[in-house]
C-alpha atoms as a PDB file:
ATOM      1  CA  UNK A   1      82.482  93.123  13.941  1.00  0.00           C
ATOM      2  CA  UNK A   2      80.129  91.696  16.620  1.00  0.00           C
ATOM      3  CA  UNK A   3      82.532  88.975  17.751  1.00  0.00           C
ATOM      4  CA  UNK A   4      85.177  91.431  18.173  1.00  0.00           C
ATOM      5  CA  UNK A   5      82.889  93.381  20.540  1.00  0.00           C
ATOM      6  CA  UNK A   6      81.860  90.413  22.452  1.00  0.00           C
ATOM      7  CA  UNK A   7      85.567  89.527  22.938  1.00  0.00           C
ATOM      8  CA  UNK A   8      86.484  93.104  24.076  1.00  0.00           C
ATOM      9  CA  UNK A   9      83.692  93.057  26.584  1.00  0.00           C
ATOM     10  CA  UNK A  10      84.955  89.635  27.919  1.00  0.00           C
ATOM     11  CA  UNK A  11      88.469  90.823  28.278  1.00  0.00           C
ATOM     12  CA  UNK A  12      87.231  93.990  30.117  1.00  0.00           C
ATOM     13  CA  UNK A  13      85.628  91.625  32.686  1.00  0.00           C
ATOM     14  CA  UNK A  14      88.826  89.639  32.921  1.00  0.00           C
ATOM     15  CA  UNK A  15      91.056  92.743  33.375  1.00  0.00           C
ATOM     16  CA  UNK A  16      88.477  93.896  36.047  1.00  0.00           C
ATOM     17  CA  UNK A  17      88.939  90.752  38.006  1.00  0.00           C
ATOM     18  CA  UNK A  18      92.735  91.023  37.961  1.00  0.00           C
ATOM     19  CA  UNK A  19      92.623  94.792  38.958  1.00  0.00           C
ATOM     20  CA  UNK A  20      90.337  93.830  41.647  1.00  0.00           C
ATOM     21  CA  UNK A  21      92.501  90.959  43.043  1.00  0.00           C
ATOM     22  CA  UNK A  22      95.726  93.182  42.750  1.00  0.00           C
ATOM     23  CA  UNK A  23      93.812  96.332  44.475  1.00  0.00           C
ATOM     24  CA  UNK A  24      92.694  93.829  47.401  1.00  0.00           C
ATOM     25  CA  UNK A  25      96.026  92.457  47.843  1.00  0.00           C
ATOM     26  CA  UNK A  26      97.641  95.778  47.785  1.00  0.00           C
ATOM     27  CA  UNK A  27      95.006  96.827  50.395  1.00  0.00           C
ATOM     28  CA  UNK A  28      95.650  93.813  52.773  1.00  0.00           C
ATOM     29  CA  UNK A  29      99.139  92.925  52.144  1.00  0.00           C
ATOM     30  CA  UNK A  30     100.940  95.637  50.540  1.00  0.00           C
ATOM     31  CA  UNK A  31     102.838  96.427  47.034  1.00  0.00           C
ATOM     32  CA  UNK A  32     104.708  93.506  47.021  1.00  0.00           C
ATOM     33  CA  UNK A  33     101.481  91.226  47.185  1.00  0.00           C
ATOM     34  CA  UNK A  34      99.925  93.281  44.396  1.00  0.00           C
ATOM     35  CA  UNK A  35     103.033  92.787  42.123  1.00  0.00           C
ATOM     36  CA  UNK A  36     102.896  89.048  42.979  1.00  0.00           C
ATOM     37  CA  UNK A  37      99.328  88.721  41.902  1.00  0.00           C
ATOM     38  CA  UNK A  38     100.097  90.679  38.575  1.00  0.00           C
ATOM     39  CA  UNK A  39     103.356  88.811  38.041  1.00  0.00           C
ATOM     40  CA  UNK A  40     101.701  85.349  38.750  1.00  0.00           C
ATOM     41  CA  UNK A  41      99.005  86.384  36.170  1.00  0.00           C
ATOM     42  CA  UNK A  42     101.377  87.526  33.420  1.00  0.00           C
ATOM     43  CA  UNK A  43     104.121  84.785  33.750  1.00  0.00           C
ATOM     44  CA  UNK A  44     101.906  81.780  34.632  1.00  0.00           C
ATOM     45  CA  UNK A  45      98.295  82.248  33.901  1.00  0.00           C
ATOM     46  CA  UNK A  46      98.518  84.405  30.487  1.00  0.00           C
ATOM     47  CA  UNK A  47     100.831  81.571  28.588  1.00  0.00           C
ATOM     48  CA  UNK A  48      98.698  78.885  29.659  1.00  0.00           C
ATOM     49  CA  UNK A  49      95.593  80.827  28.802  1.00  0.00           C
ATOM     50  CA  UNK A  50      97.021  81.621  25.240  1.00  0.00           C
ATOM     51  CA  UNK A  51      97.729  78.012  24.845  1.00  0.00           C
ATOM     52  CA  UNK A  52      94.205  77.002  25.751  1.00  0.00           C
ATOM     53  CA  UNK A  53      92.758  79.384  23.325  1.00  0.00           C
ATOM     54  CA  UNK A  54      93.735  77.269  20.532  1.00  0.00           C
ATOM     55  CA  UNK A  55      91.456  74.683  21.865  1.00  0.00           C
ATOM     56  CA  UNK A  56      87.640  74.701  21.284  1.00  0.00           C
ATOM     57  CA  UNK A  57      86.832  75.683  24.968  1.00  0.00           C
ATOM     58  CA  UNK A  58      84.522  78.278  26.486  1.00  0.00           C
ATOM     59  CA  UNK A  59      86.278  81.313  28.322  1.00  0.00           C
ATOM     60  CA  UNK A  60      85.461  79.922  31.653  1.00  0.00           C
ATOM     61  CA  UNK A  61      87.017  76.608  30.733  1.00  0.00           C
ATOM     62  CA  UNK A  62      89.964  78.184  29.293  1.00  0.00           C
ATOM     63  CA  UNK A  63      90.571  80.427  32.258  1.00  0.00           C
ATOM     64  CA  UNK A  64      90.114  77.598  34.890  1.00  0.00           C
ATOM     65  CA  UNK A  65      92.417  75.288  32.951  1.00  0.00           C
ATOM     66  CA  UNK A  66      95.017  77.873  32.433  1.00  0.00           C
ATOM     67  CA  UNK A  67      94.863  78.801  35.965  1.00  0.00           C
ATOM     68  CA  UNK A  68      95.720  75.116  37.322  1.00  0.00           C
ATOM     69  CA  UNK A  69      98.065  74.418  34.145  1.00  0.00           C
ATOM     70  CA  UNK A  70     100.053  77.548  35.171  1.00  0.00           C
ATOM     71  CA  UNK A  71     100.164  76.509  38.669  1.00  0.00           C
ATOM     72  CA  UNK A  72     101.492  72.847  37.708  1.00  0.00           C
ATOM     73  CA  UNK A  73     103.141  72.867  34.398  1.00  0.00           C
ATOM     74  CA  UNK A  74     105.096  76.176  34.082  1.00  0.00           C
ATOM     75  CA  UNK A  75     107.001  75.765  37.468  1.00  0.00           C
ATOM     76  CA  UNK A  76     107.909  72.326  36.697  1.00  0.00           C
ATOM     77  CA  UNK A  77     109.237  73.397  33.388  1.00  0.00           C
ATOM     78  CA  UNK A  78     111.112  76.060  34.962  1.00  0.00           C
ATOM     79  CA  UNK A  79     112.681  73.786  37.770  1.00  0.00           C
ATOM     80  CA  UNK A  80     113.763  71.238  35.167  1.00  0.00           C
ATOM     81  CA  UNK A  81     115.165  73.880  32.569  1.00  0.00           C
ATOM     82  CA  UNK A  82     117.111  75.423  35.729  1.00  0.00           C
ATOM     83  CA  UNK A  83     119.384  72.454  35.777  1.00  0.00           C
ATOM     84  CA  UNK A  84     120.744  73.556  32.354  1.00  0.00           C
ATOM     85  CA  UNK A  85     120.157  77.464  32.458  1.00  0.00           C
ATOM     86  CA  UNK A  86     120.341  79.957  35.318  1.00  0.00           C
ATOM     87  CA  UNK A  87     117.115  80.131  37.113  1.00  0.00           C
ATOM     88  CA  UNK A  88     115.867  83.491  36.018  1.00  0.00           C
ATOM     89  CA  UNK A  89     116.707  82.856  32.524  1.00  0.00           C
ATOM     90  CA  UNK A  90     114.816  79.564  32.508  1.00  0.00           C
ATOM     91  CA  UNK A  91     111.496  81.587  33.744  1.00  0.00           C
ATOM     92  CA  UNK A  92     111.829  83.627  30.734  1.00  0.00           C
ATOM     93  CA  UNK A  93     112.708  80.951  28.078  1.00  0.00           C
ATOM     94  CA  UNK A  94     109.661  78.797  29.571  1.00  0.00           C
ATOM     95  CA  UNK A  95     107.341  81.800  29.449  1.00  0.00           C
ATOM     96  CA  UNK A  96     108.472  82.849  25.946  1.00  0.00           C
ATOM     97  CA  UNK A  97     108.187  79.437  24.464  1.00  0.00           C
ATOM     98  CA  UNK A  98     104.811  78.817  25.847  1.00  0.00           C
ATOM     99  CA  UNK A  99     103.613  82.151  24.588  1.00  0.00           C
ATOM    100  CA  UNK A 100     105.106  81.484  21.093  1.00  0.00           C
ATOM    101  CA  UNK A 101     103.361  78.131  20.894  1.00  0.00           C
ATOM    102  CA  UNK A 102     100.095  79.513  22.102  1.00  0.00           C
ATOM    103  CA  UNK A 103     100.218  82.362  19.562  1.00  0.00           C
ATOM    104  CA  UNK A 104     101.302  79.773  16.738  1.00  0.00           C
ATOM    105  CA  UNK A 105      98.548  77.332  17.598  1.00  0.00           C
ATOM    106  CA  UNK A 106      96.047  80.145  17.675  1.00  0.00           C
ATOM    107  CA  UNK A 107      96.984  81.693  14.286  1.00  0.00           C
ATOM    108  CA  UNK A 108      97.089  78.364  12.714  1.00  0.00           C
ATOM    109  CA  UNK A 109      93.554  77.584  13.948  1.00  0.00           C
ATOM    110  CA  UNK A 110      92.358  80.892  12.503  1.00  0.00           C
ATOM    111  CA  UNK A 111      94.004  80.024   9.402  1.00  0.00           C
ATOM    112  CA  UNK A 112      92.344  76.895   9.084  1.00  0.00           C
ATOM    113  CA  UNK A 113      88.731  78.347  10.027  1.00  0.00           C
ATOM    114  CA  UNK A 114      89.476  81.050   7.344  1.00  0.00           C
ATOM    115  CA  UNK A 115      90.223  78.428   4.512  1.00  0.00           C
ATOM    116  CA  UNK A 116      86.961  76.457   5.552  1.00  0.00           C
ATOM    117  CA  UNK A 117      84.863  79.613   5.320  1.00  0.00           C
ATOM    118  CA  UNK A 118      86.362  80.389   1.761  1.00  0.00           C
ATOM    119  CA  UNK A 119      85.665  76.983   0.618  1.00  0.00           C
ATOM    120  CA  UNK A 120      81.929  77.241   1.694  1.00  0.00           C
END
């Protein structure tokens, strides 16, 4: 229970930073900039963050790595897949597949940890 409370507090901080960035971009640049910040966070940073959460890293490391991986890896995959599929479809395919891989790895890691704790 204590771990869930810490996780909830950490996620509130991350959401507050995202909301502040969106609010500042809205204030200075308008609605399209706020939508861009939120879209980049959802389609680029979130899949990489979920993928990084399957590794044994601190939250700060996961966030920094997912930011840079989202900037480099996801647009590259979308670009190469766009040769086969339409561009918009390739965005959704890459985002969905990275989210699925991240969720799968996270669930597998938790299952392995549960098996280890049951053995002890």
